[in-house]
Amino acid sequence: MVQLSDHDLVSAIRQGQESAFEQLFRSYYERLCRYADTLLKDSDEAEEMVQTVFLTIWEKRADLEITLSLKAYLYRAVHNHCLNRIKHYGVRENHREHSLYFQADGYDSVTESIQAIELEERIERAVSKLPEQCQVVFRMSRFEELKYQEIADQLGLSVKTIENQIGKALRIMRQELADYLPFLYLIIHIS
């Protein structure tokens, strides 16, 4: 099998050539699994994250646009998926602790649990609808808790661009989560 350049490989995958996708998979799968495992500390979860990245690439191959190197794109995609999984675990744990607190005080937590789970799912769906750069910046700011300057330095962008991306993300999120804003307000001001 002839090794294709990154550019040719992306073009071939975009055209639906399974052999090109297989070459990409064979070239990076194990390395990406090891990288994901360093983040998640769970080899099964790491493999699942890497498989999800490859599945997404194949499913969205017609729209595949890689401006950086292919290697950097893959590692960033795995990194983001792992951070989302870690964040998801954190939200789940916070929710569990929150539920235990309210159960101990005798509140009806079944409805709250359902609402919190729905809210968590809606937030993740809303974030995933953001444009790619906007999503990366938003996740780094809100989930990784990085300062705008730190994000700008990591992504090679200006602080003003980061501010604009966060503003855009917040506008979109407000629209997507309009039904939940009163509930979010209560959660923020009661806790």
Protein backbone atom coordinates (compact mmCIF):
# COMPACT_ATOMS: atom_id res chain seq x y z
CA MET A 1 0.00 0.00 0.00
CA VAL A 2 1.38 3.42 -0.99
CA GLN A 3 1.65 5.86 1.92
CA LEU A 4 -0.27 9.02 1.04
CA SER A 5 0.74 12.49 2.23
CA ASP A 6 -1.50 14.07 4.86
CA HIS A 7 -3.12 16.33 2.26
CA ASP A 8 -3.76 13.43 -0.15
CA LEU A 9 -4.99 11.25 2.70
CA VAL A 10 -7.55 13.86 3.79
CA SER A 11 -8.67 14.36 0.19
CA ALA A 12 -9.08 10.61 -0.32
CA ILE A 13 -11.05 10.23 2.92
CA ARG A 14 -13.24 13.17 1.93
CA GLN A 15 -14.03 11.27 -1.29
CA GLY A 16 -15.00 8.19 0.72
CA GLN A 17 -11.96 5.99 -0.02
CA GLU A 18 -12.00 3.35 2.69
CA SER A 19 -8.38 2.36 2.03
CA ALA A 20 -7.26 5.90 2.89
CA PHE A 21 -9.32 5.86 6.07
CA GLU A 22 -7.83 2.48 6.97
CA GLN A 23 -4.32 3.90 6.43
CA LEU A 24 -5.15 6.80 8.75
CA PHE A 25 -6.59 4.43 11.34
CA ARG A 26 -3.61 2.05 11.24
CA SER A 27 -1.12 4.93 11.41
CA TYR A 28 -2.59 6.68 14.44
CA TYR A 29 -4.93 4.39 16.38
CA GLU A 30 -2.48 2.90 18.89
CA ARG A 31 -0.65 6.18 19.52
CA LEU A 32 -3.92 8.02 20.07
CA CYS A 33 -5.12 5.29 22.46
CA ARG A 34 -1.95 5.65 24.52
CA TYR A 35 -2.39 9.43 24.58
CA ALA A 36 -6.06 9.16 25.61
CA ASP A 37 -5.11 6.67 28.31
CA THR A 38 -2.71 9.20 29.84
CA LEU A 39 -5.65 11.61 30.16
CA LEU A 40 -8.38 9.19 31.25
CA LYS A 41 -6.32 6.57 33.15
CA ASP A 42 -8.65 3.90 31.74
CA SER A 43 -7.60 1.98 28.63
CA ASP A 44 -11.16 0.92 27.72
CA GLU A 45 -12.42 4.50 27.93
CA ALA A 46 -9.37 5.67 25.98
CA GLU A 47 -10.11 3.24 23.15
CA GLU A 48 -13.74 4.30 23.13
CA MET A 49 -12.74 7.97 22.80
CA VAL A 50 -10.33 7.26 19.93
CA GLN A 51 -12.92 5.09 18.16
CA THR A 52 -15.45 7.91 18.54
CA VAL A 53 -13.00 10.35 16.93
CA PHE A 54 -12.40 8.02 13.97
CA LEU A 55 -16.14 7.30 13.62
CA THR A 56 -16.87 11.04 13.59
CA ILE A 57 -14.20 11.63 10.96
CA TRP A 58 -15.70 8.94 8.74
CA GLU A 59 -19.29 10.09 9.26
CA LYS A 60 -18.41 13.73 8.55
CA ARG A 61 -15.76 13.00 5.91
CA ALA A 62 -17.45 15.11 3.21
CA ASP A 63 -17.04 18.20 5.41
CA LEU A 64 -13.56 17.32 6.69
CA GLU A 65 -11.42 20.47 6.78
CA ILE A 66 -8.00 20.20 8.38
CA THR A 67 -6.04 23.43 8.41
CA LEU A 68 -3.24 22.29 10.74
CA SER A 69 -1.32 19.07 10.38
CA LEU A 70 -3.33 15.87 10.35
CA LYS A 71 -1.47 14.62 13.41
CA ALA A 72 -2.24 17.82 15.36
CA TYR A 73 -5.90 17.61 14.30
CA LEU A 74 -6.23 14.01 15.54
CA TYR A 75 -4.50 14.67 18.84
CA ARG A 76 -6.62 17.79 19.44
CA ALA A 77 -9.82 15.86 18.63
CA VAL A 78 -8.89 13.07 21.06
CA HIS A 79 -7.86 15.63 23.68
CA ASN A 80 -11.22 17.42 23.40
CA HIS A 81 -13.22 14.18 23.56
CA CYS A 82 -11.29 13.10 26.66
CA LEU A 83 -11.80 16.47 28.34
CA ASN A 84 -15.52 16.24 27.59
CA ARG A 85 -15.62 12.79 29.18
CA ILE A 86 -13.73 14.04 32.24
CA LYS A 87 -16.06 17.04 32.46
CA HIS A 88 -19.06 14.74 32.13
CA TYR A 89 -17.78 12.65 35.04
CA GLY A 90 -17.32 15.83 37.09
CA VAL A 91 -20.85 17.03 36.34
CA ARG A 92 -22.22 13.60 37.21
CA GLU A 93 -20.34 13.53 40.50
CA ASN A 94 -21.47 17.06 41.39
CA HIS A 95 -25.02 16.11 40.53
CA ARG A 96 -24.79 12.97 42.68
CA GLU A 97 -23.48 14.98 45.63
CA HIS A 98 -26.16 17.63 45.06
CA SER A 99 -28.85 14.93 44.98
CA LEU A 100 -27.56 13.32 48.16
CA TYR A 101 -27.60 16.70 49.89
CA PHE A 102 -31.21 17.37 48.94
CA GLN A 103 -32.31 13.82 49.74
CA ALA A 104 -30.82 14.21 53.20
CA ASP A 105 -32.86 17.39 53.67
CA GLY A 106 -36.05 15.69 52.54
CA TYR A 107 -36.54 17.49 49.21
CA ASP A 108 -38.19 15.77 46.29
CA SER A 109 -35.04 15.06 44.32
CA VAL A 110 -36.51 12.83 41.61
CA THR A 111 -37.81 15.80 39.63
CA GLU A 112 -34.60 17.73 40.28
CA SER A 113 -32.53 14.75 39.14
CA ILE A 114 -34.48 14.45 35.92
CA GLN A 115 -34.22 18.18 35.27
CA ALA A 116 -30.50 18.20 36.00
CA ILE A 117 -29.86 15.26 33.65
CA GLU A 118 -31.94 16.92 30.92
CA LEU A 119 -30.09 20.17 31.48
CA GLU A 120 -26.70 18.45 31.29
CA GLU A 121 -27.68 16.81 28.00
CA ARG A 122 -29.04 20.07 26.59
CA ILE A 123 -25.88 21.95 27.56
CA GLU A 124 -23.68 19.34 25.87
CA ARG A 125 -25.88 19.42 22.73
CA ALA A 126 -25.76 23.23 22.70
CA VAL A 127 -21.95 23.26 23.06
CA SER A 128 -21.57 20.66 20.31
CA LYS A 129 -23.59 22.91 17.93
CA LEU A 130 -21.08 25.74 18.26
CA PRO A 131 -18.74 26.35 15.31
CA GLU A 132 -15.47 24.40 15.75
CA GLN A 133 -13.19 27.25 16.83
CA CYS A 134 -15.91 28.77 19.00
CA GLN A 135 -16.49 25.37 20.64
CA VAL A 136 -12.77 24.84 21.34
CA VAL A 137 -12.43 28.32 22.87
CA PHE A 138 -15.62 27.93 24.93
CA ARG A 139 -14.59 24.52 26.30
CA MET A 140 -11.11 25.80 27.19
CA SER A 141 -12.63 28.78 28.98
CA ARG A 142 -15.54 27.16 30.77
CA PHE A 143 -14.50 23.53 31.23
CA GLU A 144 -10.72 23.81 31.51
CA GLU A 145 -11.08 27.17 33.32
CA LEU A 146 -8.30 28.81 31.33
CA LYS A 147 -7.93 32.60 31.20
CA TYR A 148 -8.45 34.35 27.86
CA GLN A 149 -4.71 35.09 27.59
CA GLU A 150 -3.86 31.41 28.19
CA ILE A 151 -6.32 30.34 25.50
CA ALA A 152 -4.95 32.95 23.10
CA ASP A 153 -1.39 31.74 23.72
CA GLN A 154 -2.29 28.07 23.23
CA LEU A 155 -4.28 28.65 20.04
CA GLY A 156 -2.07 31.39 18.59
CA LEU A 157 -4.94 33.90 18.51
CA SER A 158 -5.41 37.39 19.92
CA VAL A 159 -7.20 37.96 23.22
CA LYS A 160 -9.76 40.04 21.28
CA THR A 161 -10.53 37.03 19.06
CA ILE A 162 -10.99 34.88 22.17
CA GLU A 163 -13.36 37.49 23.67
CA ASN A 164 -15.34 37.56 20.41
CA GLN A 165 -15.55 33.75 20.28
CA ILE A 166 -16.75 33.56 23.90
CA GLY A 167 -19.34 36.27 23.25
CA LYS A 168 -20.57 34.39 20.17
CA ALA A 169 -20.68 31.11 22.13
CA LEU A 170 -22.68 32.69 24.95
CA ARG A 171 -25.21 34.21 22.51
CA ILE A 172 -25.72 30.83 20.84
CA MET A 173 -25.90 29.04 24.19
CA ARG A 174 -28.55 31.50 25.46
CA GLN A 175 -30.66 30.81 22.37
CA GLU A 176 -30.21 27.03 22.62
CA LEU A 177 -30.93 26.93 26.35
CA ALA A 178 -33.69 29.58 26.48
CA ASP A 179 -36.17 27.08 27.96
CA TYR A 180 -33.76 26.29 30.80
CA LEU A 181 -32.62 29.80 31.75
CA PRO A 182 -35.08 30.15 34.69
CA PHE A 183 -33.96 26.73 35.99
CA LEU A 184 -30.29 27.67 35.56
CA TYR A 185 -30.91 30.92 37.42
CA LEU A 186 -32.42 29.02 40.35
CA ILE A 187 -29.56 26.50 40.48
CA ILE A 188 -26.92 29.23 40.43
CA HIS A 189 -28.59 31.40 43.07
CA ILE A 190 -29.77 28.63 45.42
CA SER A 191 -26.49 26.68 45.58
